[in-house]
Amino acid sequence: MLLGQVSGGNSFSPSTLRLGPLTRLGARATAANVAFDDHPGDKRFSDRIETVTVDSVFAWLQRSGLGSAPVAVKISP
């Protein structure tokens, strides 16, 4: 089953990160596992990187009816 086919077709939408060219260059130069060339050029060069984040997954789970709103758990010492 594909993400867009779950519970009435609620499709997944990734989070959009706003990363400028210097941030992308710094990340690429300092970490071997960071690359942005797999993103479409029109979005990459307009400083918009779409990616899966915890926030986007939680929002999709709630929209699709597969999960409820996140709950904060406080741990007391």
N, C-alpha and C. Protein backbone atom coordinates (compact mmCIF):
# COMPACT_ATOMS: atom_id res chain seq x y z
N MET A 1 0.84 -1.17 0.00
CA MET A 1 0.00 0.00 0.00
C MET A 1 0.90 1.24 0.00
N LEU A 2 0.62 2.17 -0.87
CA LEU A 2 1.39 3.40 -0.97
C LEU A 2 0.87 4.45 0.00
N LEU A 3 1.72 5.40 0.37
CA LEU A 3 1.31 6.42 1.33
C LEU A 3 0.06 7.17 0.90
N GLY A 4 -0.05 7.50 -0.37
CA GLY A 4 -1.20 8.26 -0.86
C GLY A 4 -2.48 7.46 -0.90
N GLN A 5 -2.43 6.15 -0.69
CA GLN A 5 -3.62 5.31 -0.78
C GLN A 5 -4.22 5.00 0.58
N VAL A 6 -3.64 5.47 1.64
CA VAL A 6 -4.12 5.14 2.98
C VAL A 6 -5.29 6.04 3.36
N SER A 7 -6.34 5.45 3.90
CA SER A 7 -7.47 6.17 4.49
C SER A 7 -7.99 7.31 3.62
N GLY A 8 -8.54 6.96 2.47
CA GLY A 8 -9.18 7.97 1.64
C GLY A 8 -8.23 8.81 0.82
N GLY A 9 -7.00 8.40 0.66
CA GLY A 9 -6.08 9.11 -0.22
C GLY A 9 -5.37 10.30 0.41
N ASN A 10 -5.29 10.37 1.73
CA ASN A 10 -4.53 11.44 2.37
C ASN A 10 -3.06 11.26 2.05
N SER A 11 -2.54 12.06 1.16
CA SER A 11 -1.17 11.85 0.71
C SER A 11 -0.17 12.54 1.64
N PHE A 12 1.01 12.02 1.62
CA PHE A 12 2.10 12.55 2.44
C PHE A 12 2.67 13.81 1.80
N SER A 13 2.94 14.83 2.59
CA SER A 13 3.64 16.02 2.10
C SER A 13 4.87 16.25 2.95
N PRO A 14 6.03 16.30 2.30
CA PRO A 14 7.27 16.49 3.06
C PRO A 14 7.38 17.90 3.62
N SER A 15 8.23 18.07 4.61
CA SER A 15 8.53 19.40 5.14
C SER A 15 9.45 20.11 4.16
N THR A 16 9.33 21.43 4.09
CA THR A 16 10.21 22.22 3.24
C THR A 16 11.18 22.98 4.13
N LEU A 17 12.45 22.69 3.96
CA LEU A 17 13.50 23.40 4.71
C LEU A 17 14.02 24.53 3.85
N ARG A 18 14.27 25.67 4.44
CA ARG A 18 14.84 26.81 3.73
C ARG A 18 16.34 26.84 4.02
N LEU A 19 17.13 26.41 3.05
CA LEU A 19 18.59 26.34 3.22
C LEU A 19 19.25 27.13 2.12
N GLY A 20 19.96 28.18 2.49
CA GLY A 20 20.65 29.00 1.52
C GLY A 20 21.89 28.31 0.97
N PRO A 21 22.50 28.91 -0.06
CA PRO A 21 23.65 28.28 -0.70
C PRO A 21 24.86 28.10 0.23
N LEU A 22 25.11 29.05 1.11
CA LEU A 22 26.25 28.91 2.02
C LEU A 22 26.01 27.80 3.04
N THR A 23 24.79 27.65 3.50
CA THR A 23 24.46 26.56 4.43
C THR A 23 24.65 25.22 3.74
N ARG A 24 24.15 25.11 2.50
CA ARG A 24 24.30 23.85 1.75
C ARG A 24 25.76 23.55 1.49
N LEU A 25 26.53 24.57 1.12
CA LEU A 25 27.95 24.38 0.84
C LEU A 25 28.69 23.96 2.12
N GLY A 26 28.38 24.62 3.25
CA GLY A 26 29.03 24.27 4.52
C GLY A 26 28.70 22.86 4.94
N ALA A 27 27.45 22.46 4.76
CA ALA A 27 27.06 21.09 5.13
C ALA A 27 27.78 20.08 4.24
N ARG A 28 27.84 20.38 2.97
CA ARG A 28 28.49 19.46 2.02
C ARG A 28 29.99 19.34 2.30
N ALA A 29 30.62 20.46 2.68
CA ALA A 29 32.07 20.47 2.90
C ALA A 29 32.48 19.82 4.22
N THR A 30 31.58 19.84 5.20
CA THR A 30 31.98 19.35 6.53
C THR A 30 31.43 17.97 6.89
N ALA A 31 30.54 17.44 6.08
CA ALA A 31 29.98 16.11 6.38
C ALA A 31 29.92 15.28 5.10
N ALA A 32 30.53 14.12 5.15
CA ALA A 32 30.61 13.27 3.95
C ALA A 32 29.26 12.71 3.53
N ASN A 33 28.32 12.61 4.46
CA ASN A 33 27.03 11.99 4.14
C ASN A 33 25.93 13.00 3.79
N VAL A 34 26.29 14.26 3.56
CA VAL A 34 25.29 15.29 3.23
C VAL A 34 25.44 15.66 1.75
N ALA A 35 24.33 15.56 1.03
CA ALA A 35 24.32 15.95 -0.38
C ALA A 35 22.94 16.49 -0.72
N PHE A 36 22.88 17.43 -1.63
CA PHE A 36 21.61 18.01 -2.04
C PHE A 36 21.36 17.83 -3.53
N ASP A 37 22.26 17.16 -4.24
CA ASP A 37 22.10 17.04 -5.69
C ASP A 37 21.01 16.08 -6.12
N ASP A 38 20.37 15.38 -5.17
CA ASP A 38 19.26 14.51 -5.54
C ASP A 38 17.92 15.25 -5.51
N HIS A 39 17.95 16.54 -5.21
CA HIS A 39 16.74 17.36 -5.22
C HIS A 39 16.67 18.11 -6.56
N PRO A 40 15.46 18.36 -7.06
CA PRO A 40 15.33 19.07 -8.34
C PRO A 40 15.99 20.45 -8.27
N GLY A 41 16.67 20.82 -9.35
CA GLY A 41 17.40 22.08 -9.39
C GLY A 41 16.54 23.30 -9.14
N ASP A 42 15.30 23.32 -9.68
CA ASP A 42 14.46 24.50 -9.50
C ASP A 42 14.14 24.75 -8.03
N LYS A 43 13.99 23.71 -7.25
CA LYS A 43 13.74 23.89 -5.81
C LYS A 43 15.04 24.11 -5.06
N ARG A 44 16.07 23.38 -5.43
CA ARG A 44 17.35 23.50 -4.74
C ARG A 44 17.92 24.90 -4.87
N PHE A 45 17.85 25.47 -6.06
CA PHE A 45 18.42 26.79 -6.27
C PHE A 45 17.52 27.92 -5.80
N SER A 46 16.30 27.59 -5.39
CA SER A 46 15.44 28.60 -4.76
C SER A 46 15.43 28.41 -3.25
N ASP A 47 16.43 27.68 -2.74
CA ASP A 47 16.67 27.47 -1.31
C ASP A 47 15.57 26.67 -0.62
N ARG A 48 14.86 25.81 -1.36
CA ARG A 48 13.80 24.98 -0.77
C ARG A 48 14.18 23.51 -0.93
N ILE A 49 14.41 22.84 0.18
CA ILE A 49 14.73 21.42 0.18
C ILE A 49 13.57 20.69 0.85
N GLU A 50 12.89 19.82 0.10
CA GLU A 50 11.80 19.05 0.66
C GLU A 50 12.35 17.73 1.19
N THR A 51 12.00 17.41 2.44
CA THR A 51 12.52 16.21 3.06
C THR A 51 11.54 15.66 4.09
N VAL A 52 11.71 14.42 4.43
CA VAL A 52 10.87 13.79 5.45
C VAL A 52 11.42 14.18 6.82
N THR A 53 10.55 14.68 7.67
CA THR A 53 10.94 15.01 9.05
C THR A 53 9.96 14.33 10.00
N VAL A 54 10.29 14.31 11.25
CA VAL A 54 9.38 13.75 12.25
C VAL A 54 8.07 14.53 12.23
N ASP A 55 8.14 15.85 12.11
CA ASP A 55 6.92 16.66 12.07
C ASP A 55 6.03 16.29 10.89
N SER A 56 6.62 16.09 9.71
CA SER A 56 5.81 15.75 8.54
C SER A 56 5.20 14.36 8.66
N VAL A 57 5.91 13.41 9.27
CA VAL A 57 5.37 12.07 9.47
C VAL A 57 4.23 12.10 10.49
N PHE A 58 4.42 12.80 11.61
CA PHE A 58 3.35 12.90 12.60
C PHE A 58 2.11 13.57 12.02
N ALA A 59 2.29 14.62 11.23
CA ALA A 59 1.15 15.30 10.61
C ALA A 59 0.41 14.36 9.66
N TRP A 60 1.16 13.58 8.87
CA TRP A 60 0.54 12.63 7.95
C TRP A 60 -0.21 11.53 8.72
N LEU A 61 0.39 11.02 9.79
CA LEU A 61 -0.28 9.98 10.57
C LEU A 61 -1.62 10.49 11.12
N GLN A 62 -1.63 11.72 11.58
CA GLN A 62 -2.86 12.30 12.11
C GLN A 62 -3.89 12.52 11.00
N ARG A 63 -3.45 13.05 9.85
CA ARG A 63 -4.35 13.29 8.71
C ARG A 63 -4.96 11.99 8.18
N SER A 64 -4.16 10.95 8.15
CA SER A 64 -4.61 9.68 7.57
C SER A 64 -5.42 8.84 8.54
N GLY A 65 -5.49 9.26 9.80
CA GLY A 65 -6.23 8.50 10.78
C GLY A 65 -5.47 7.33 11.36
N LEU A 66 -4.18 7.26 11.08
CA LEU A 66 -3.36 6.15 11.59
C LEU A 66 -2.71 6.48 12.93
N GLY A 67 -2.85 7.70 13.39
CA GLY A 67 -2.26 8.10 14.66
C GLY A 67 -3.00 9.29 15.22
N SER A 68 -2.71 9.63 16.45
CA SER A 68 -3.34 10.78 17.07
C SER A 68 -2.29 11.87 17.27
N ALA A 69 -2.72 12.96 17.86
CA ALA A 69 -1.80 14.08 18.09
C ALA A 69 -0.67 13.63 19.01
N PRO A 70 0.55 14.14 18.78
CA PRO A 70 1.67 13.80 19.66
C PRO A 70 1.38 14.25 21.10
N VAL A 71 1.91 13.50 22.05
CA VAL A 71 1.71 13.80 23.45
C VAL A 71 3.09 14.02 24.08
N ALA A 72 3.22 15.13 24.81
CA ALA A 72 4.49 15.41 25.49
C ALA A 72 4.53 14.64 26.80
N VAL A 73 5.66 13.99 27.05
CA VAL A 73 5.84 13.23 28.29
C VAL A 73 6.92 13.93 29.10
N LYS A 74 6.57 14.31 30.32
CA LYS A 74 7.55 14.96 31.20
C LYS A 74 8.09 13.95 32.18
N ILE A 75 9.39 13.92 32.32
CA ILE A 75 10.05 13.01 33.25
C ILE A 75 10.52 13.84 34.44
N SER A 76 10.03 13.51 35.61
CA SER A 76 10.45 14.25 36.80
C SER A 76 11.65 13.54 37.43
N PRO A 77 12.56 14.34 37.98
CA PRO A 77 13.77 13.73 38.57
C PRO A 77 13.51 12.95 39.83
